[in-house]
Amino acid sequence: MLTSPCDTIKALAVRRVSAVVRADPRSAAAAGSGRGRPPAPPRRGGPPGALRRGRPPGTSRRKLELIALRLFTEQGFDETPIEQIAAEAGVSRRTFFRYFSSKSSVLWGEFDAEVEAIRAALAAVPAAVPMMDAIREAVVAANHYRAEDVPELRARMNLIISVPALQASAAVHYDAWERAISDFAATRIGQPPGSLYPLAIGRATLAVCRAAYDRWCARADADLTVYLDAAVAALAAGFPPASLGTEKQAVAGRAGSS
């Protein structure tokens, strides 16, 4: 696991993640609409419009996620109990576990969704597209975050690569990401997913993407997709010394053409 803590952006992340929690449109929409659920019926014996006891209608998985991320960033992952997250969201500990299996799973939800997005993108790729081009395009597409998502994603990655408890839980998630690639590669080259070449393709792709995440987190000078595109393209080309150029050149060239 890469262990760079991205200290250069940590203080900024604390302030900006707090702003994301307050302004996130997905959280606000969920709170305003109840995610499409009808209003709760009146409490028996109560006045018209009174709500049943239990989970507040505005509580959502997204709201819990953002509150947890803010608290983790402000005061530390290990120092933030589940009870505090639940209390700030106005729900019980039991309700928290309806959405998340553990405290660490709060930070892996976006990553796991990325794995599914990569699988879906690769499944839709035409057979005529070269294998490594397909993998690069799928990885970049799955990570095409909006500008307002950048502070949140950086804060997540900063926590994941710097908190030992999260590093310990990383293996299962990275394995799923790797298998999304190796399964596709196995289909393309007609070999079992666990055999040498599909496994090597999956692990090599994961390695260069983790390097891209780490450098993007440390430099914060372009979109994440720029780093991912450069890293996977270099892997596909075999890292030819004559044409690689420097990191700065690779990032500037791709950022300018995006």
Foldseek 3Di string as FASTA:
>chain_A
DAQDLLVVCLVVLLVLLVVCLVDVPVLVVCQVCLVVDDAAAADVPDDGPHHDDAQDSSDDLVNLLSLLLNCCSPPNLVVDDLQNSQVVSVHGSVVNCVNPVDSLVSLCPLLLVLLVQLLVQLVPDDLPDDLLVSNLVSNLVSQPDDPSCVSVVLSSVSRCSHPVVNVVVCPVSLVSSLLSQLVSVCVSVVHDSPDDPSSVRSVQLSVLLVVLSVVCSNPVPAGSSLSSNLSSVCVVVVNDVVPNDDPVVSSVVSRVVD
